[in-house]
Amino acid sequence: VVECFPVQWFSSLKGQQTLPQLENFCRYLKHLASSLYRSCVAGSDVEKRNVRDHIKEVVRLLGRLNALDHVIAVASEHGIKDIKTLLENK
């Protein structure tokens, strides 16, 4: 869904927030990252690695939506340190 949004929508945004119309969607993505994390707490190392990759994908999607406030929150909550690298590859 995120790939369908035109880049022009986000090019003129100032600050760390996305479009107000997409705020609920961004909150959903943030909730999804937390749900993914909770689903693997008692899982194997492979499951935890897979979930971490999925959470990184959520961070990329939030970055594409210019929701940097949510990117920072998800990354700090789940210990993702390479935010800049993730956002450069969005």
Protein backbone atom coordinates (compact mmCIF):
# COMPACT_ATOMS: atom_id res chain seq x y z
CA VAL A 1 0.00 0.00 0.00
CA VAL A 2 2.79 2.42 0.94
CA GLU A 3 4.43 2.02 -2.46
CA CYS A 4 1.26 3.40 -4.09
CA PHE A 5 1.57 6.80 -2.42
CA PRO A 6 3.24 9.39 -4.67
CA VAL A 7 6.60 10.64 -3.38
CA GLN A 8 5.47 14.22 -4.12
CA TRP A 9 3.01 14.00 -1.23
CA PHE A 10 5.91 13.86 1.22
CA SER A 11 8.53 16.01 -0.48
CA SER A 12 7.24 19.32 0.88
CA LEU A 13 6.60 18.17 4.45
CA LYS A 14 8.48 19.91 7.22
CA GLY A 15 9.44 18.28 10.49
CA GLN A 16 9.20 14.66 11.51
CA GLN A 17 5.55 13.92 10.90
CA THR A 18 3.65 12.49 7.98
CA LEU A 19 0.45 13.77 6.44
CA PRO A 20 -2.34 14.09 9.02
CA GLN A 21 -4.51 11.81 6.88
CA LEU A 22 -1.95 8.99 7.23
CA GLU A 23 -1.38 9.32 10.97
CA ASN A 24 -3.75 6.46 11.85
CA PHE A 25 -2.06 4.20 9.28
CA CYS A 26 1.33 5.05 10.81
CA ARG A 27 0.01 4.23 14.28
CA TYR A 28 -1.21 0.91 12.91
CA LEU A 29 2.26 0.14 11.50
CA LYS A 30 3.78 1.04 14.87
CA HIS A 31 1.31 -1.31 16.59
CA LEU A 32 2.14 -4.01 14.04
CA ALA A 33 5.84 -3.78 14.95
CA SER A 34 4.99 -4.21 18.64
CA SER A 35 2.70 -7.15 17.90
CA LEU A 36 5.39 -8.82 15.82
CA TYR A 37 7.87 -8.39 18.65
CA ARG A 38 5.48 -9.82 21.24
CA SER A 39 4.72 -12.80 19.01
CA CYS A 40 8.32 -14.04 19.12
CA VAL A 41 9.32 -13.35 22.71
CA ALA A 42 9.45 -17.07 23.52
CA GLY A 43 10.47 -18.10 20.00
CA SER A 44 13.66 -19.54 18.62
CA ASP A 45 16.62 -17.45 17.48
CA VAL A 46 15.57 -17.92 13.85
CA GLU A 47 12.07 -16.64 14.60
CA LYS A 48 13.50 -13.66 16.47
CA ARG A 49 15.79 -12.84 13.54
CA ASN A 50 12.87 -13.06 11.10
CA VAL A 51 10.71 -10.82 13.27
CA ARG A 52 13.55 -8.32 13.58
CA ASP A 53 13.75 -8.20 9.77
CA HIS A 54 10.00 -7.61 9.60
CA ILE A 55 10.25 -4.80 12.14
CA LYS A 56 13.01 -3.23 10.05
CA GLU A 57 10.67 -3.38 7.06
CA VAL A 58 8.02 -1.56 9.11
CA VAL A 59 10.64 1.10 9.91
CA ARG A 60 11.37 1.44 6.17
CA LEU A 61 7.66 1.86 5.42
CA LEU A 62 7.29 4.51 8.10
CA GLY A 63 10.34 6.27 6.69
CA ARG A 64 8.79 6.26 3.24
CA LEU A 65 5.73 7.95 4.76
CA ASN A 66 8.01 10.59 6.34
CA ALA A 67 6.76 9.50 9.78
CA LEU A 68 10.13 10.03 11.42
CA ASP A 69 8.58 10.44 14.86
CA HIS A 70 7.21 6.90 14.57
CA VAL A 71 10.47 5.62 13.06
CA ILE A 72 12.38 6.85 16.11
CA ALA A 73 9.81 5.38 18.51
CA VAL A 74 9.80 1.93 16.87
CA ALA A 75 13.58 1.84 16.52
CA SER A 76 14.21 2.79 20.14
CA GLU A 77 11.53 0.41 21.44
CA HIS A 78 13.01 -2.54 19.55
CA GLY A 79 16.71 -1.69 19.71
CA ILE A 80 17.23 -0.97 16.02
CA LYS A 81 20.38 1.09 15.70
CA ASP A 82 20.94 1.32 11.94
CA ILE A 83 18.03 3.66 11.19
CA LYS A 84 19.99 5.81 8.77
CA THR A 85 20.91 2.79 6.64
CA LEU A 86 17.30 1.60 6.60
CA LEU A 87 15.97 5.00 5.57
CA GLU A 88 18.56 5.43 2.82
CA ASN A 89 17.28 2.21 1.25
CA LYS A 90 13.63 3.21 1.39
